[in-house]
Amino acid sequence: MAAKQDGRRGKRRQFTDELKAGAVRRVLDEDKTVAQVARDLDLTPSALGGWVKQARADRSKGGKAGLTTEERAELAGLRKELRLVKMERDILGKAVAFFAKENA
């Protein structure tokens, strides 16, 4: 991304997962270079190169049932949420038992 004349960078662009996946697929599956695909899609080669590097790492790991980085992050978040919900359930169960004894 080129710097503006006053030295500030432009607004950071956001890309959809579909665009990223399509660009990476063109590099990895269609044997095109990062530079070619970046030029075709008006991307910076460094951004596309990072996506390709991450995709290669995801493909080569193959562990954890072949999960992608995003899927691993989501799984970690869901596990954290599950721990919290279980803790809340246990606290509520103890509170119910406490108040049941008190009222008996």
Protein backbone atom coordinates (compact mmCIF):
# COMPACT_ATOMS: atom_id res chain seq x y z
CA MET A 1 0.00 0.00 0.00
CA ALA A 2 1.54 3.30 -1.02
CA ALA A 3 1.94 6.06 1.55
CA LYS A 4 -0.05 9.22 1.03
CA GLN A 5 1.78 12.46 0.27
CA ASP A 6 1.56 13.69 3.86
CA GLY A 7 3.24 10.49 5.08
CA ARG A 8 0.13 8.80 6.48
CA ARG A 9 -1.03 5.45 5.26
CA GLY A 10 -4.44 4.96 3.72
CA LYS A 11 -7.32 3.24 5.45
CA ARG A 12 -6.67 -0.47 6.04
CA ARG A 13 -8.74 -2.58 3.67
CA GLN A 14 -10.81 -5.54 4.83
CA PHE A 15 -11.12 -8.68 2.70
CA THR A 16 -13.75 -11.39 2.85
CA ASP A 17 -12.79 -14.95 3.66
CA GLU A 18 -14.07 -15.96 0.22
CA LEU A 19 -11.71 -13.54 -1.53
CA LYS A 20 -8.78 -14.72 0.57
CA ALA A 21 -9.57 -18.39 -0.08
CA GLY A 22 -9.97 -17.79 -3.81
CA ALA A 23 -6.70 -15.89 -4.05
CA VAL A 24 -4.84 -18.56 -2.10
CA ARG A 25 -6.39 -21.30 -4.24
CA ARG A 26 -5.15 -19.56 -7.40
CA VAL A 27 -1.61 -19.54 -6.03
CA LEU A 28 -1.56 -23.06 -4.60
CA ASP A 29 -3.78 -24.99 -7.01
CA GLU A 30 -3.39 -23.11 -10.29
CA ASP A 31 0.38 -22.66 -9.99
CA LYS A 32 0.27 -18.90 -10.39
CA THR A 33 2.76 -16.68 -8.61
CA VAL A 34 1.84 -14.53 -5.65
CA ALA A 35 2.82 -11.46 -7.67
CA GLN A 36 0.52 -12.43 -10.59
CA VAL A 37 -2.51 -13.07 -8.40
CA ALA A 38 -1.87 -9.99 -6.26
CA ARG A 39 -1.69 -7.83 -9.38
CA ASP A 40 -4.86 -9.41 -10.85
CA LEU A 41 -6.85 -8.85 -7.65
CA ASP A 42 -5.35 -5.46 -6.69
CA LEU A 43 -3.77 -6.85 -3.51
CA THR A 44 -0.37 -6.27 -2.00
CA PRO A 45 1.98 -9.21 -2.54
CA SER A 46 2.86 -9.17 1.17
CA ALA A 47 -0.79 -9.59 2.22
CA LEU A 48 -1.39 -12.42 -0.23
CA GLY A 49 1.94 -13.99 0.68
CA GLY A 50 0.90 -14.08 4.32
CA TRP A 51 -2.39 -15.77 3.46
CA VAL A 52 -0.58 -18.34 1.31
CA LYS A 53 1.97 -19.03 4.04
CA GLN A 54 -0.82 -19.58 6.58
CA ALA A 55 -2.74 -21.84 4.19
CA ARG A 56 0.37 -23.96 3.58
CA ALA A 57 0.90 -24.30 7.33
CA ASP A 58 -2.75 -25.28 7.80
CA ARG A 59 -2.52 -27.86 5.02
CA SER A 60 0.74 -29.38 6.22
CA LYS A 61 -0.27 -29.74 9.86
CA GLY A 62 -3.19 -31.99 9.08
CA GLY A 63 -3.49 -32.62 12.83
CA LYS A 64 -6.64 -31.91 14.79
CA ALA A 65 -8.72 -33.25 11.92
CA GLY A 66 -7.17 -30.75 9.50
CA LEU A 67 -8.55 -27.64 11.21
CA THR A 68 -7.65 -24.24 9.86
CA THR A 69 -6.27 -21.47 12.04
CA GLU A 70 -9.70 -19.83 12.27
CA GLU A 71 -11.33 -23.13 13.21
CA ARG A 72 -8.73 -23.77 15.93
CA ALA A 73 -9.33 -20.27 17.33
CA GLU A 74 -13.10 -20.83 17.28
CA LEU A 75 -12.69 -24.21 18.98
CA ALA A 76 -10.56 -22.67 21.73
CA GLY A 77 -13.17 -19.95 22.26
CA LEU A 78 -16.00 -22.48 22.43
CA ARG A 79 -14.10 -24.60 24.95
CA LYS A 80 -13.51 -21.52 27.11
CA GLU A 81 -17.21 -20.64 26.92
CA LEU A 82 -18.15 -24.22 27.85
CA ARG A 83 -15.92 -24.09 30.95
CA LEU A 84 -17.61 -20.85 32.01
CA VAL A 85 -21.13 -22.25 31.48
CA LYS A 86 -20.27 -25.39 33.48
CA MET A 87 -18.90 -23.25 36.30
CA GLU A 88 -22.08 -21.13 36.32
CA ARG A 89 -24.21 -24.29 36.36
CA ASP A 90 -22.29 -25.67 39.33
CA ILE A 91 -22.62 -22.40 41.26
CA LEU A 92 -26.37 -22.28 40.60
CA GLY A 93 -26.72 -25.89 41.72
CA LYS A 94 -24.95 -25.13 45.00
CA ALA A 95 -27.10 -22.03 45.51
CA VAL A 96 -30.30 -24.05 45.00
CA ALA A 97 -29.12 -26.66 47.50
CA PHE A 98 -28.19 -23.96 50.02
CA PHE A 99 -31.55 -22.18 49.80
CA ALA A 100 -33.46 -25.47 49.86
CA LYS A 101 -31.77 -26.36 53.17
CA GLU A 102 -32.43 -22.90 54.57
CA ASN A 103 -36.16 -23.05 53.79
CA ALA A 104 -36.62 -26.60 55.06
